């Protein structure tokens, strides 16, 4: 049975985008355009997770969250343009399970959903956190830690680095990376991969002598790890 996600969002463009990505990833979804409809659909649908915007007509997201928490422990991820730390703390204290600030990439939201569902279901930790010398690639938190410091990294760069580092010393062609990281429906140029590799190298240069982001001339790229 498909995992059910209720999308509570009054912007139809954002709601439709999330609906398309989630349905494509195998989720069953419904959309509520305001807080009142959200409560009604929550009770009727009994979703496995709620994506909840804060700024809503009829009832705002905080009131919806409060109502949900009075009735259920269903995981809730807040979606909002408000990025202040105080708003995040308020949401988490009220019972939200995670918090994503707009603008966001749909794939980041998918990763957050997977992480929250794993955490709340009590499932064993997955391997979406890779650790190397002076490097941590944490896809659950969407964080890149280089030499002990968090480095701001766009989601696509994170996905590309994680994909390469998940299979140390394996060589990927540009087309393989486009298919496996960007998706089969991506129609961009293979030079997109080169650009992302260049940006990653700028962040990782000289960090460790135990691994490297290598170019395999005439073929593609690999995450080279010594001793593996």
C-alpha atoms as a PDB file:
ATOM      1  CA  UNK A   1       0.000   0.000   0.000  1.00  0.00           C
ATOM      2  CA  UNK A   2       1.345   3.432  -0.984  1.00  0.00           C
ATOM      3  CA  UNK A   3       2.389   5.896   1.711  1.00  0.00           C
ATOM      4  CA  UNK A   4      -0.197   8.692   1.950  1.00  0.00           C
ATOM      5  CA  UNK A   5       0.897  12.335   2.117  1.00  0.00           C
ATOM      6  CA  UNK A   6      -1.446  15.288   2.638  1.00  0.00           C
ATOM      7  CA  UNK A   7      -0.113  18.467   1.000  1.00  0.00           C
ATOM      8  CA  UNK A   8      -1.470  21.603   2.694  1.00  0.00           C
ATOM      9  CA  UNK A   9      -0.496  24.542   0.485  1.00  0.00           C
ATOM     10  CA  UNK A  10      -2.519  27.512  -0.833  1.00  0.00           C
ATOM     11  CA  UNK A  11      -0.148  28.248  -3.738  1.00  0.00           C
ATOM     12  CA  UNK A  12      -1.437  25.960  -6.525  1.00  0.00           C
ATOM     13  CA  UNK A  13       1.903  25.974  -8.368  1.00  0.00           C
ATOM     14  CA  UNK A  14       3.810  24.703  -5.334  1.00  0.00           C
ATOM     15  CA  UNK A  15       1.046  22.237  -4.448  1.00  0.00           C
ATOM     16  CA  UNK A  16       0.964  20.811  -7.977  1.00  0.00           C
ATOM     17  CA  UNK A  17       4.761  20.542  -8.129  1.00  0.00           C
ATOM     18  CA  UNK A  18       4.886  18.608  -4.852  1.00  0.00           C
ATOM     19  CA  UNK A  19       1.973  16.434  -5.971  1.00  0.00           C
ATOM     20  CA  UNK A  20       3.740  15.525  -9.234  1.00  0.00           C
ATOM     21  CA  UNK A  21       7.069  14.704  -7.568  1.00  0.00           C
ATOM     22  CA  UNK A  22       5.490  12.689  -4.773  1.00  0.00           C
ATOM     23  CA  UNK A  23       3.193  10.710  -7.061  1.00  0.00           C
ATOM     24  CA  UNK A  24       6.142   9.995  -9.368  1.00  0.00           C
ATOM     25  CA  UNK A  25       8.042   8.672  -6.335  1.00  0.00           C
ATOM     26  CA  UNK A  26       5.217   6.289  -5.458  1.00  0.00           C
ATOM     27  CA  UNK A  27       3.329   8.268  -2.810  1.00  0.00           C
ATOM     28  CA  UNK A  28      -0.440   8.705  -2.715  1.00  0.00           C
ATOM     29  CA  UNK A  29      -1.297  12.382  -2.250  1.00  0.00           C
ATOM     30  CA  UNK A  30      -4.149  14.787  -1.672  1.00  0.00           C
ATOM     31  CA  UNK A  31      -4.075  18.594  -1.603  1.00  0.00           C
ATOM     32  CA  UNK A  32      -5.775  20.958   0.857  1.00  0.00           C
ATOM     33  CA  UNK A  33      -5.710  24.647  -0.183  1.00  0.00           C
ATOM     34  CA  UNK A  34      -6.544  26.087   3.249  1.00  0.00           C
ATOM     35  CA  UNK A  35      -6.390  25.225   6.939  1.00  0.00           C
ATOM     36  CA  UNK A  36     -10.048  24.273   7.271  1.00  0.00           C
ATOM     37  CA  UNK A  37      -9.866  21.848   4.354  1.00  0.00           C
ATOM     38  CA  UNK A  38      -6.613  20.505   5.805  1.00  0.00           C
ATOM     39  CA  UNK A  39      -8.276  19.409   9.048  1.00  0.00           C
ATOM     40  CA  UNK A  40     -11.201  17.834   7.170  1.00  0.00           C
ATOM     41  CA  UNK A  41      -8.954  15.951   4.732  1.00  0.00           C
ATOM     42  CA  UNK A  42      -6.610  14.887   7.513  1.00  0.00           C
ATOM     43  CA  UNK A  43      -9.482  13.211   9.354  1.00  0.00           C
ATOM     44  CA  UNK A  44     -10.872  11.602   6.197  1.00  0.00           C
ATOM     45  CA  UNK A  45      -7.570  10.543   4.631  1.00  0.00           C
ATOM     46  CA  UNK A  46      -5.611   9.508   7.747  1.00  0.00           C
ATOM     47  CA  UNK A  47      -2.309  10.290   5.974  1.00  0.00           C
ATOM     48  CA  UNK A  48       1.060   8.863   6.930  1.00  0.00           C
ATOM     49  CA  UNK A  49       2.626  12.344   6.765  1.00  0.00           C
ATOM     50  CA  UNK A  50       1.539  15.974   6.336  1.00  0.00           C
ATOM     51  CA  UNK A  51       3.374  18.695   4.418  1.00  0.00           C
ATOM     52  CA  UNK A  52       2.016  21.836   6.063  1.00  0.00           C
ATOM     53  CA  UNK A  53       2.444  25.436   4.915  1.00  0.00           C
ATOM     54  CA  UNK A  54       2.376  28.066   7.669  1.00  0.00           C
ATOM     55  CA  UNK A  55       0.679  30.976   5.874  1.00  0.00           C
ATOM     56  CA  UNK A  56      -2.798  29.639   5.032  1.00  0.00           C
ATOM     57  CA  UNK A  57      -6.300  31.077   4.692  1.00  0.00           C
ATOM     58  CA  UNK A  58      -9.113  30.058   7.092  1.00  0.00           C
ATOM     59  CA  UNK A  59      -6.699  28.562   9.661  1.00  0.00           C
ATOM     60  CA  UNK A  60      -2.940  29.130   9.642  1.00  0.00           C
ATOM     61  CA  UNK A  61      -0.460  26.266   9.786  1.00  0.00           C
ATOM     62  CA  UNK A  62       0.136  26.647  13.521  1.00  0.00           C
ATOM     63  CA  UNK A  63      -3.582  26.119  14.259  1.00  0.00           C
ATOM     64  CA  UNK A  64      -3.692  23.137  11.907  1.00  0.00           C
ATOM     65  CA  UNK A  65      -0.613  21.651  13.581  1.00  0.00           C
ATOM     66  CA  UNK A  66      -2.165  22.184  17.011  1.00  0.00           C
ATOM     67  CA  UNK A  67      -5.360  20.426  15.904  1.00  0.00           C
ATOM     68  CA  UNK A  68      -3.444  17.508  14.393  1.00  0.00           C
ATOM     69  CA  UNK A  69      -1.362  17.097  17.549  1.00  0.00           C
ATOM     70  CA  UNK A  70      -4.507  16.955  19.685  1.00  0.00           C
ATOM     71  CA  UNK A  71      -5.681  13.979  17.626  1.00  0.00           C
ATOM     72  CA  UNK A  72      -2.607  12.227  16.251  1.00  0.00           C
ATOM     73  CA  UNK A  73       1.154  11.731  16.241  1.00  0.00           C
ATOM     74  CA  UNK A  74       1.239  11.735  12.434  1.00  0.00           C
ATOM     75  CA  UNK A  75       4.553  13.233  11.224  1.00  0.00           C
ATOM     76  CA  UNK A  76       4.298  16.858  10.075  1.00  0.00           C
ATOM     77  CA  UNK A  77       6.857  18.764   7.996  1.00  0.00           C
ATOM     78  CA  UNK A  78       6.335  22.532   7.962  1.00  0.00           C
ATOM     79  CA  UNK A  79       6.737  24.397   4.646  1.00  0.00           C
ATOM     80  CA  UNK A  80       7.203  28.134   4.907  1.00  0.00           C
ATOM     81  CA  UNK A  81       8.941  31.192   3.542  1.00  0.00           C
ATOM     82  CA  UNK A  82       9.868  32.161   7.087  1.00  0.00           C
ATOM     83  CA  UNK A  83      13.442  31.129   7.730  1.00  0.00           C
ATOM     84  CA  UNK A  84      14.078  32.710  11.118  1.00  0.00           C
ATOM     85  CA  UNK A  85      15.406  30.406  13.805  1.00  0.00           C
ATOM     86  CA  UNK A  86      12.628  31.470  16.195  1.00  0.00           C
ATOM     87  CA  UNK A  87       9.966  30.233  13.750  1.00  0.00           C
ATOM     88  CA  UNK A  88      11.718  26.892  13.378  1.00  0.00           C
ATOM     89  CA  UNK A  89      12.010  26.492  17.137  1.00  0.00           C
ATOM     90  CA  UNK A  90       8.332  27.390  17.604  1.00  0.00           C
ATOM     91  CA  UNK A  91       7.252  24.838  15.033  1.00  0.00           C
ATOM     92  CA  UNK A  92       9.381  22.068  16.511  1.00  0.00           C
ATOM     93  CA  UNK A  93       8.195  22.866  20.039  1.00  0.00           C
ATOM     94  CA  UNK A  94       4.587  22.655  18.848  1.00  0.00           C
ATOM     95  CA  UNK A  95       5.214  19.151  17.543  1.00  0.00           C
ATOM     96  CA  UNK A  96       6.464  19.539  13.974  1.00  0.00           C
ATOM     97  CA  UNK A  97       8.908  16.822  12.922  1.00  0.00           C
ATOM     98  CA  UNK A  98      10.900  18.893  10.445  1.00  0.00           C
ATOM     99  CA  UNK A  99      10.958  22.298   8.786  1.00  0.00           C
ATOM    100  CA  UNK A 100      11.726  23.203   5.147  1.00  0.00           C
ATOM    101  CA  UNK A 101      12.164  26.823   4.106  1.00  0.00           C
ATOM    102  CA  UNK A 102      10.989  28.128   0.728  1.00  0.00           C
ATOM    103  CA  UNK A 103      12.278  28.248  -1.909  1.00  0.00           C
ATOM    104  CA  UNK A 104      13.174  24.573  -1.913  1.00  0.00           C
ATOM    105  CA  UNK A 105      13.895  21.837  -4.435  1.00  0.00           C
ATOM    106  CA  UNK A 106      11.271  19.111  -4.577  1.00  0.00           C
ATOM    107  CA  UNK A 107      13.981  16.450  -4.222  1.00  0.00           C
ATOM    108  CA  UNK A 108      15.046  17.996  -0.922  1.00  0.00           C
ATOM    109  CA  UNK A 109      11.461  17.692   0.342  1.00  0.00           C
ATOM    110  CA  UNK A 110      11.408  14.039  -0.785  1.00  0.00           C
ATOM    111  CA  UNK A 111      14.609  13.372   1.152  1.00  0.00           C
ATOM    112  CA  UNK A 112      13.148  15.042   4.246  1.00  0.00           C
ATOM    113  CA  UNK A 113       9.968  12.966   3.962  1.00  0.00           C
ATOM    114  CA  UNK A 114      11.972   9.739   3.729  1.00  0.00           C
ATOM    115  CA  UNK A 115      14.110  10.728   6.727  1.00  0.00           C
ATOM    116  CA  UNK A 116      11.112  11.672   8.894  1.00  0.00           C
ATOM    117  CA  UNK A 117       9.217   8.498   7.995  1.00  0.00           C
ATOM    118  CA  UNK A 118      12.242   6.358   8.836  1.00  0.00           C
ATOM    119  CA  UNK A 119      12.734   8.161  12.128  1.00  0.00           C
ATOM    120  CA  UNK A 120       9.100   8.056  13.223  1.00  0.00           C
ATOM    121  CA  UNK A 121       8.555   4.465  12.129  1.00  0.00           C
ATOM    122  CA  UNK A 122      11.456   3.277  14.252  1.00  0.00           C
ATOM    123  CA  UNK A 123      13.194   1.809  11.216  1.00  0.00           C
ATOM    124  CA  UNK A 124      16.869   1.091  11.394  1.00  0.00           C
ATOM    125  CA  UNK A 125      19.117   3.927  10.207  1.00  0.00           C
ATOM    126  CA  UNK A 126      19.892   3.836   6.518  1.00  0.00           C
ATOM    127  CA  UNK A 127      23.188   4.534   4.802  1.00  0.00           C
ATOM    128  CA  UNK A 128      22.344   8.080   3.731  1.00  0.00           C
ATOM    129  CA  UNK A 129      25.228   9.442   5.794  1.00  0.00           C
ATOM    130  CA  UNK A 130      28.724   8.816   4.482  1.00  0.00           C
ATOM    131  CA  UNK A 131      31.877   9.537   6.488  1.00  0.00           C
ATOM    132  CA  UNK A 132      35.406   9.858   5.154  1.00  0.00           C
ATOM    133  CA  UNK A 133      38.561  11.592   6.376  1.00  0.00           C
ATOM    134  CA  UNK A 134      37.573  15.261   7.015  1.00  0.00           C
ATOM    135  CA  UNK A 135      34.311  14.735   5.120  1.00  0.00           C
ATOM    136  CA  UNK A 136      30.715  13.946   6.104  1.00  0.00           C
ATOM    137  CA  UNK A 137      27.979  13.744   3.459  1.00  0.00           C
ATOM    138  CA  UNK A 138      24.658  13.694   5.320  1.00  0.00           C
ATOM    139  CA  UNK A 139      21.681  13.396   2.960  1.00  0.00           C
ATOM    140  CA  UNK A 140      19.123  13.174   5.758  1.00  0.00           C
ATOM    141  CA  UNK A 141      20.120  16.620   7.012  1.00  0.00           C
ATOM    142  CA  UNK A 142      21.243  17.779   3.549  1.00  0.00           C
ATOM    143  CA  UNK A 143      24.540  18.863   5.092  1.00  0.00           C
ATOM    144  CA  UNK A 144      28.108  18.721   3.822  1.00  0.00           C
ATOM    145  CA  UNK A 145      30.698  18.882   6.616  1.00  0.00           C
ATOM    146  CA  UNK A 146      34.212  19.587   5.360  1.00  0.00           C
ATOM    147  CA  UNK A 147      37.079  19.576   7.884  1.00  0.00           C
ATOM    148  CA  UNK A 148      34.573  20.004  10.703  1.00  0.00           C
ATOM    149  CA  UNK A 149      32.722  22.948   9.130  1.00  0.00           C
ATOM    150  CA  UNK A 150      29.327  22.958   7.441  1.00  0.00           C
ATOM    151  CA  UNK A 151      29.643  24.066   3.811  1.00  0.00           C
ATOM    152  CA  UNK A 152      26.533  25.435   2.096  1.00  0.00           C
ATOM    153  CA  UNK A 153      25.937  23.138  -0.857  1.00  0.00           C
ATOM    154  CA  UNK A 154      23.019  23.116  -3.338  1.00  0.00           C
ATOM    155  CA  UNK A 155      20.920  19.917  -3.294  1.00  0.00           C
ATOM    156  CA  UNK A 156      22.054  18.755  -6.740  1.00  0.00           C
ATOM    157  CA  UNK A 157      25.727  19.014  -5.796  1.00  0.00           C
ATOM    158  CA  UNK A 158      24.957  17.043  -2.626  1.00  0.00           C
ATOM    159  CA  UNK A 159      23.172  14.341  -4.626  1.00  0.00           C
ATOM    160  CA  UNK A 160      26.015  14.098  -7.136  1.00  0.00           C
ATOM    161  CA  UNK A 161      28.715  13.819  -4.457  1.00  0.00           C
ATOM    162  CA  UNK A 162      26.685  11.299  -2.443  1.00  0.00           C
ATOM    163  CA  UNK A 163      26.082   9.188  -5.553  1.00  0.00           C
ATOM    164  CA  UNK A 164      29.774   9.082  -6.421  1.00  0.00           C
ATOM    165  CA  UNK A 165      30.950   8.524  -2.832  1.00  0.00           C
ATOM    166  CA  UNK A 166      28.410   5.727  -2.278  1.00  0.00           C
ATOM    167  CA  UNK A 167      30.456   3.587  -4.684  1.00  0.00           C
ATOM    168  CA  UNK A 168      34.111   4.485  -4.023  1.00  0.00           C
ATOM    169  CA  UNK A 169      36.462   4.045  -6.992  1.00  0.00           C
ATOM    170  CA  UNK A 170      33.632   3.228  -9.385  1.00  0.00           C
ATOM    171  CA  UNK A 171      33.853   5.211 -12.612  1.00  0.00           C
ATOM    172  CA  UNK A 172      30.668   6.862 -13.888  1.00  0.00           C
ATOM    173  CA  UNK A 173      30.199   8.327 -17.350  1.00  0.00           C
ATOM    174  CA  UNK A 174      28.578  11.743 -17.634  1.00  0.00           C
ATOM    175  CA  UNK A 175      25.467  10.171 -19.154  1.00  0.00           C
ATOM    176  CA  UNK A 176      25.196   7.681 -16.280  1.00  0.00           C
ATOM    177  CA  UNK A 177      25.364  10.538 -13.790  1.00  0.00           C
ATOM    178  CA  UNK A 178      22.757  12.509 -15.714  1.00  0.00           C
ATOM    179  CA  UNK A 179      20.424   9.500 -15.695  1.00  0.00           C
ATOM    180  CA  UNK A 180      21.018   8.464 -12.085  1.00  0.00           C
ATOM    181  CA  UNK A 181      21.278  11.881 -10.410  1.00  0.00           C
ATOM    182  CA  UNK A 182      19.270  14.214 -12.632  1.00  0.00           C
ATOM    183  CA  UNK A 183      16.814  11.560 -13.854  1.00  0.00           C
ATOM    184  CA  UNK A 184      15.935   9.955 -17.165  1.00  0.00           C
ATOM    185  CA  UNK A 185      13.595  12.839 -18.007  1.00  0.00           C
ATOM    186  CA  UNK A 186      16.408  15.404 -17.839  1.00  0.00           C
ATOM    187  CA  UNK A 187      17.235  16.867 -21.253  1.00  0.00           C
ATOM    188  CA  UNK A 188      20.164  19.072 -20.307  1.00  0.00           C
ATOM    189  CA  UNK A 189      23.714  19.018 -21.629  1.00  0.00           C
ATOM    190  CA  UNK A 190      26.263  16.589 -20.163  1.00  0.00           C
ATOM    191  CA  UNK A 191      28.431  19.630 -19.413  1.00  0.00           C
ATOM    192  CA  UNK A 192      26.048  20.188 -16.496  1.00  0.00           C
ATOM    193  CA  UNK A 193      27.928  17.387 -14.728  1.00  0.00           C
ATOM    194  CA  UNK A 194      31.275  19.093 -15.392  1.00  0.00           C
ATOM    195  CA  UNK A 195      30.020  22.352 -13.889  1.00  0.00           C
ATOM    196  CA  UNK A 196      28.795  20.618 -10.718  1.00  0.00           C
ATOM    197  CA  UNK A 197      32.047  18.662 -10.371  1.00  0.00           C
ATOM    198  CA  UNK A 198      34.024  21.914 -10.697  1.00  0.00           C
ATOM    199  CA  UNK A 199      31.967  23.543  -7.923  1.00  0.00           C
ATOM    200  CA  UNK A 200      32.398  20.514  -5.666  1.00  0.00           C
ATOM    201  CA  UNK A 201      36.157  20.534  -6.205  1.00  0.00           C
ATOM    202  CA  UNK A 202      36.283  24.167  -5.117  1.00  0.00           C
ATOM    203  CA  UNK A 203      34.712  23.095  -1.818  1.00  0.00           C
ATOM    204  CA  UNK A 204      36.825  19.950  -1.347  1.00  0.00           C
ATOM    205  CA  UNK A 205      40.259  20.854  -2.695  1.00  0.00           C
ATOM    206  CA  UNK A 206      43.158  19.913  -0.425  1.00  0.00           C
ATOM    207  CA  UNK A 207      40.936  18.597   2.384  1.00  0.00           C
ATOM    208  CA  UNK A 208      42.356  15.062   2.518  1.00  0.00           C
ATOM    209  CA  UNK A 209      44.988  12.860   0.894  1.00  0.00           C
ATOM    210  CA  UNK A 210      42.837   9.751   1.497  1.00  0.00           C
ATOM    211  CA  UNK A 211      40.169  10.530  -1.125  1.00  0.00           C
ATOM    212  CA  UNK A 212      39.718  12.682  -4.210  1.00  0.00           C
ATOM    213  CA  UNK A 213      37.142  13.591  -6.825  1.00  0.00           C
ATOM    214  CA  UNK A 214      38.923  12.309  -9.914  1.00  0.00           C
ATOM    215  CA  UNK A 215      38.454  12.812 -13.632  1.00  0.00           C
ATOM    216  CA  UNK A 216      38.898   9.649 -15.687  1.00  0.00           C
ATOM    217  CA  UNK A 217      39.842  11.151 -19.019  1.00  0.00           C
ATOM    218  CA  UNK A 218      37.633  10.102 -21.906  1.00  0.00           C
ATOM    219  CA  UNK A 219      35.208   8.318 -19.561  1.00  0.00           C
ATOM    220  CA  UNK A 220      33.848  10.353 -16.658  1.00  0.00           C
ATOM    221  CA  UNK A 221      34.359  10.743 -12.910  1.00  0.00           C
ATOM    222  CA  UNK A 222      34.926   8.747  -9.748  1.00  0.00           C
ATOM    223  CA  UNK A 223      35.263   9.305  -6.010  1.00  0.00           C
ATOM    224  CA  UNK A 224      38.683   7.753  -5.461  1.00  0.00           C
ATOM    225  CA  UNK A 225      39.441   6.401  -1.994  1.00  0.00           C
ATOM    226  CA  UNK A 226      42.859   4.978  -1.120  1.00  0.00           C
ATOM    227  CA  UNK A 227      42.921   1.506   0.401  1.00  0.00           C
ATOM    228  CA  UNK A 228      39.465   0.546  -0.931  1.00  0.00           C
END
